[in-house]
């Protein structure tokens, strides 16, 4: 994930897709986000897709868009880089 965020920040003229888990099959719930191409002012949209684990066929999903900016995405990437060594209950955000 962090590598893809860094790649995106280096060239935000391309969309980047980040996925955790598989969206089909016998797996744990999946999460994905697509960082859309940023505009000239550094604004971007992020398509978020979260699986809600409440039915067996895995068809219950929550999809929504988040509007953000490159600086917030950079802060998120910095916080995410230390997330893997953090304590249970740690939260990260784009703010």
N, C-alpha and C. Protein backbone atom coordinates (compact mmCIF):
# COMPACT_ATOMS: atom_id res chain seq x y z
N UNK A 1 0.82 -1.19 0.00
CA UNK A 1 0.00 0.00 0.00
C UNK A 1 0.86 1.25 0.00
N UNK A 2 1.85 1.31 0.87
CA UNK A 2 2.67 2.51 1.00
C UNK A 2 3.44 2.78 -0.29
N UNK A 3 3.92 1.73 -0.93
CA UNK A 3 4.64 1.88 -2.20
C UNK A 3 3.72 2.49 -3.25
N UNK A 4 2.48 2.04 -3.30
CA UNK A 4 1.53 2.56 -4.28
C UNK A 4 1.17 4.02 -3.99
N UNK A 5 1.06 4.38 -2.71
CA UNK A 5 0.78 5.77 -2.37
C UNK A 5 1.95 6.66 -2.78
N UNK A 6 3.17 6.21 -2.51
CA UNK A 6 4.36 6.98 -2.91
C UNK A 6 4.42 7.12 -4.43
N UNK A 7 4.12 6.05 -5.14
CA UNK A 7 4.09 6.08 -6.61
C UNK A 7 3.08 7.12 -7.09
N UNK A 8 1.89 7.11 -6.48
CA UNK A 8 0.85 8.05 -6.85
C UNK A 8 1.28 9.49 -6.58
N UNK A 9 1.88 9.73 -5.42
CA UNK A 9 2.29 11.09 -5.07
C UNK A 9 3.39 11.61 -6.01
N UNK A 10 4.21 10.71 -6.52
CA UNK A 10 5.26 11.10 -7.46
C UNK A 10 4.67 11.47 -8.82
N UNK A 11 3.53 10.86 -9.19
CA UNK A 11 2.89 11.14 -10.48
C UNK A 11 1.38 10.97 -10.32
N UNK A 12 0.72 12.02 -9.88
CA UNK A 12 -0.73 11.95 -9.62
C UNK A 12 -1.56 12.15 -10.89
N UNK A 13 -0.92 12.08 -12.06
CA UNK A 13 -1.67 12.17 -13.31
C UNK A 13 -2.24 10.81 -13.71
N UNK A 14 -1.91 9.78 -12.96
CA UNK A 14 -2.40 8.41 -13.20
C UNK A 14 -3.24 7.95 -12.00
N UNK A 15 -4.27 7.17 -12.22
CA UNK A 15 -5.03 6.57 -11.13
C UNK A 15 -4.26 5.38 -10.57
N UNK A 16 -4.44 5.13 -9.28
CA UNK A 16 -3.79 4.00 -8.61
C UNK A 16 -4.84 3.23 -7.82
N UNK A 17 -4.81 1.90 -7.92
CA UNK A 17 -5.76 1.03 -7.24
C UNK A 17 -5.05 0.26 -6.13
N UNK A 18 -5.58 0.34 -4.92
CA UNK A 18 -5.00 -0.34 -3.75
C UNK A 18 -6.06 -1.29 -3.20
N UNK A 19 -5.68 -2.55 -2.99
CA UNK A 19 -6.66 -3.55 -2.55
C UNK A 19 -6.07 -4.38 -1.41
N UNK A 20 -6.89 -4.63 -0.39
CA UNK A 20 -6.56 -5.54 0.70
C UNK A 20 -7.59 -6.66 0.68
N UNK A 21 -7.14 -7.88 0.54
CA UNK A 21 -8.05 -9.01 0.51
C UNK A 21 -8.59 -9.27 -0.89
N UNK A 22 -9.32 -10.36 -1.01
CA UNK A 22 -9.93 -10.77 -2.27
C UNK A 22 -11.42 -10.48 -2.21
N UNK A 23 -11.98 -10.03 -3.33
CA UNK A 23 -13.39 -9.67 -3.37
C UNK A 23 -14.31 -10.84 -3.69
N UNK A 24 -13.74 -11.99 -3.94
CA UNK A 24 -14.54 -13.19 -4.23
C UNK A 24 -13.88 -14.39 -3.58
N UNK A 25 -14.66 -15.42 -3.33
CA UNK A 25 -14.11 -16.64 -2.76
C UNK A 25 -14.24 -16.67 -1.24
N UNK A 26 -13.60 -17.64 -0.63
CA UNK A 26 -13.70 -17.86 0.80
C UNK A 26 -12.54 -17.15 1.52
N UNK A 27 -12.64 -15.83 1.64
CA UNK A 27 -11.60 -15.01 2.25
C UNK A 27 -12.22 -14.08 3.28
N UNK A 28 -11.37 -13.39 4.01
CA UNK A 28 -11.85 -12.38 4.94
C UNK A 28 -12.37 -11.18 4.15
N UNK A 29 -13.13 -10.29 4.77
CA UNK A 29 -13.68 -9.14 4.06
C UNK A 29 -12.59 -8.31 3.38
N UNK A 30 -12.93 -7.76 2.23
CA UNK A 30 -11.98 -7.00 1.42
C UNK A 30 -12.22 -5.49 1.56
N UNK A 31 -11.16 -4.74 1.26
CA UNK A 31 -11.19 -3.29 1.26
C UNK A 31 -10.35 -2.81 0.08
N UNK A 32 -10.84 -1.82 -0.64
CA UNK A 32 -10.04 -1.26 -1.72
C UNK A 32 -10.30 0.23 -1.82
N UNK A 33 -9.32 0.91 -2.43
CA UNK A 33 -9.51 2.32 -2.74
C UNK A 33 -8.77 2.64 -4.03
N UNK A 34 -9.42 3.44 -4.85
CA UNK A 34 -8.83 3.88 -6.10
C UNK A 34 -8.58 5.37 -6.00
N UNK A 35 -7.31 5.75 -6.08
CA UNK A 35 -6.93 7.15 -6.05
C UNK A 35 -7.04 7.67 -7.48
N UNK A 36 -8.01 8.53 -7.71
CA UNK A 36 -8.25 9.06 -9.05
C UNK A 36 -7.19 10.12 -9.39
N UNK A 37 -7.04 10.38 -10.65
CA UNK A 37 -6.09 11.39 -11.13
C UNK A 37 -6.38 12.75 -10.48
N UNK A 38 -5.35 13.40 -9.96
CA UNK A 38 -5.52 14.70 -9.32
C UNK A 38 -5.66 15.80 -10.37
N UNK A 39 -6.39 16.85 -10.02
CA UNK A 39 -6.51 17.98 -10.93
C UNK A 39 -5.31 18.92 -10.76
N UNK A 40 -5.29 20.01 -11.49
CA UNK A 40 -4.14 20.93 -11.48
C UNK A 40 -3.94 21.61 -10.14
N UNK A 41 -4.99 21.67 -9.33
CA UNK A 41 -4.88 22.29 -8.00
C UNK A 41 -4.53 21.28 -6.92
N UNK A 42 -4.35 20.01 -7.29
CA UNK A 42 -3.98 18.98 -6.33
C UNK A 42 -5.15 18.33 -5.62
N UNK A 43 -6.36 18.49 -6.14
CA UNK A 43 -7.54 17.85 -5.57
C UNK A 43 -7.76 16.50 -6.24
N UNK A 44 -8.21 15.53 -5.46
CA UNK A 44 -8.46 14.21 -6.01
C UNK A 44 -9.70 13.60 -5.37
N UNK A 45 -10.22 12.60 -6.04
CA UNK A 45 -11.31 11.80 -5.49
C UNK A 45 -10.78 10.40 -5.25
N UNK A 46 -11.27 9.80 -4.19
CA UNK A 46 -10.88 8.44 -3.84
C UNK A 46 -12.15 7.59 -3.80
N UNK A 47 -12.18 6.54 -4.60
CA UNK A 47 -13.30 5.61 -4.57
C UNK A 47 -12.97 4.53 -3.53
N UNK A 48 -13.79 4.42 -2.52
CA UNK A 48 -13.58 3.45 -1.44
C UNK A 48 -14.62 2.35 -1.56
N UNK A 49 -14.19 1.11 -1.39
CA UNK A 49 -15.07 -0.06 -1.47
C UNK A 49 -14.77 -0.94 -0.25
N UNK A 50 -15.74 -1.05 0.64
CA UNK A 50 -15.58 -1.84 1.87
C UNK A 50 -16.63 -2.94 1.87
N UNK A 51 -16.18 -4.16 2.11
CA UNK A 51 -17.11 -5.28 2.23
C UNK A 51 -17.67 -5.31 3.64
N UNK A 52 -18.98 -5.46 3.72
CA UNK A 52 -19.65 -5.57 5.01
C UNK A 52 -19.94 -7.05 5.24
N UNK A 53 -19.37 -7.59 6.27
CA UNK A 53 -19.44 -9.04 6.52
C UNK A 53 -20.73 -9.39 7.29
N UNK A 54 -21.83 -9.44 6.56
CA UNK A 54 -23.07 -9.79 7.24
C UNK A 54 -23.90 -10.83 6.48
N UNK A 55 -23.46 -11.22 5.27
CA UNK A 55 -24.14 -12.28 4.55
C UNK A 55 -23.10 -13.18 3.87
N UNK A 56 -23.48 -14.42 3.61
CA UNK A 56 -22.52 -15.41 3.12
C UNK A 56 -22.06 -15.21 1.68
N UNK A 57 -22.84 -14.58 0.82
CA UNK A 57 -22.43 -14.48 -0.58
C UNK A 57 -21.50 -13.30 -0.87
N UNK A 58 -21.13 -12.55 0.14
CA UNK A 58 -20.16 -11.45 0.06
C UNK A 58 -20.60 -10.33 -0.90
N UNK A 59 -21.89 -10.17 -1.11
CA UNK A 59 -22.38 -9.17 -2.05
C UNK A 59 -22.72 -7.84 -1.38
N UNK A 60 -22.66 -7.77 -0.07
CA UNK A 60 -23.02 -6.55 0.64
C UNK A 60 -21.78 -5.67 0.78
N UNK A 61 -21.76 -4.59 0.02
CA UNK A 61 -20.59 -3.71 -0.03
C UNK A 61 -21.03 -2.27 0.21
N UNK A 62 -20.11 -1.49 0.65
CA UNK A 62 -20.33 -0.06 0.81
C UNK A 62 -19.32 0.64 -0.09
N UNK A 63 -19.80 1.35 -1.10
CA UNK A 63 -18.94 2.09 -2.02
C UNK A 63 -19.28 3.57 -1.90
N UNK A 64 -18.24 4.38 -1.79
CA UNK A 64 -18.46 5.81 -1.71
C UNK A 64 -17.20 6.55 -2.17
N UNK A 65 -17.33 7.85 -2.40
CA UNK A 65 -16.22 8.68 -2.83
C UNK A 65 -15.82 9.63 -1.70
N UNK A 66 -14.53 9.86 -1.60
CA UNK A 66 -13.98 10.84 -0.66
C UNK A 66 -13.24 11.88 -1.50
N UNK A 67 -13.50 13.14 -1.24
CA UNK A 67 -12.75 14.20 -1.90
C UNK A 67 -11.61 14.60 -0.99
N UNK A 68 -10.42 14.73 -1.55
CA UNK A 68 -9.24 15.03 -0.75
C UNK A 68 -8.27 15.88 -1.56
N UNK A 69 -7.06 16.02 -1.02
CA UNK A 69 -6.02 16.76 -1.72
C UNK A 69 -4.68 16.07 -1.47
N UNK A 70 -3.72 16.37 -2.31
CA UNK A 70 -2.45 15.64 -2.29
C UNK A 70 -1.72 15.73 -0.95
N UNK A 71 -1.78 16.87 -0.28
CA UNK A 71 -1.14 17.01 1.02
C UNK A 71 -1.71 16.06 2.05
N UNK A 72 -3.03 15.89 2.05
CA UNK A 72 -3.68 14.95 2.98
C UNK A 72 -3.29 13.51 2.65
N UNK A 73 -3.18 13.21 1.36
CA UNK A 73 -2.78 11.87 0.96
C UNK A 73 -1.33 11.60 1.38
N UNK A 74 -0.48 12.61 1.29
CA UNK A 74 0.91 12.46 1.72
C UNK A 74 0.99 12.20 3.23
N UNK A 75 0.20 12.93 4.02
CA UNK A 75 0.17 12.71 5.48
C UNK A 75 -0.34 11.31 5.80
N UNK A 76 -1.36 10.87 5.07
CA UNK A 76 -1.90 9.52 5.28
C UNK A 76 -0.82 8.47 5.00
N UNK A 77 -0.09 8.64 3.92
CA UNK A 77 0.99 7.71 3.58
C UNK A 77 2.08 7.67 4.64
N UNK A 78 2.43 8.82 5.20
CA UNK A 78 3.44 8.88 6.25
C UNK A 78 2.96 8.14 7.50
N UNK A 79 1.71 8.36 7.87
CA UNK A 79 1.15 7.68 9.05
C UNK A 79 1.01 6.18 8.80
N UNK A 80 0.64 5.81 7.58
CA UNK A 80 0.46 4.40 7.24
C UNK A 80 1.79 3.65 7.28
N UNK A 81 2.90 4.33 7.00
CA UNK A 81 4.19 3.64 6.98
C UNK A 81 4.59 3.13 8.36
N UNK A 82 4.12 3.77 9.41
CA UNK A 82 4.43 3.29 10.77
C UNK A 82 3.29 2.45 11.35
N UNK A 83 2.20 2.33 10.62
CA UNK A 83 1.01 1.63 11.12
C UNK A 83 1.27 0.15 11.39
N UNK A 84 2.11 -0.49 10.59
CA UNK A 84 2.34 -1.92 10.73
C UNK A 84 3.05 -2.28 12.03
N UNK A 85 3.78 -1.35 12.64
CA UNK A 85 4.46 -1.58 13.90
C UNK A 85 3.68 -0.98 15.08
N UNK A 86 2.50 -0.49 14.86
CA UNK A 86 1.75 0.19 15.91
C UNK A 86 0.99 -0.79 16.79
N UNK A 87 0.47 -0.28 17.88
CA UNK A 87 -0.28 -1.07 18.84
C UNK A 87 -1.71 -1.29 18.34
N UNK A 88 -2.35 -2.33 18.84
CA UNK A 88 -3.75 -2.61 18.51
C UNK A 88 -4.58 -1.42 18.95
N UNK A 89 -5.47 -0.98 18.10
CA UNK A 89 -6.33 0.16 18.39
C UNK A 89 -5.83 1.48 17.82
N UNK A 90 -4.64 1.47 17.21
CA UNK A 90 -4.11 2.67 16.60
C UNK A 90 -4.94 3.05 15.38
N UNK A 91 -5.18 4.32 15.18
CA UNK A 91 -5.94 4.82 14.04
C UNK A 91 -5.08 5.75 13.21
N UNK A 92 -5.34 5.76 11.93
CA UNK A 92 -4.69 6.73 11.06
C UNK A 92 -5.78 7.43 10.25
N UNK A 93 -5.50 8.63 9.82
CA UNK A 93 -6.47 9.37 9.02
C UNK A 93 -5.74 10.26 8.04
N UNK A 94 -6.51 10.94 7.21
CA UNK A 94 -5.93 11.85 6.23
C UNK A 94 -5.84 13.26 6.79
N UNK A 95 -6.21 13.45 8.04
CA UNK A 95 -6.21 14.81 8.63
C UNK A 95 -4.99 15.03 9.49
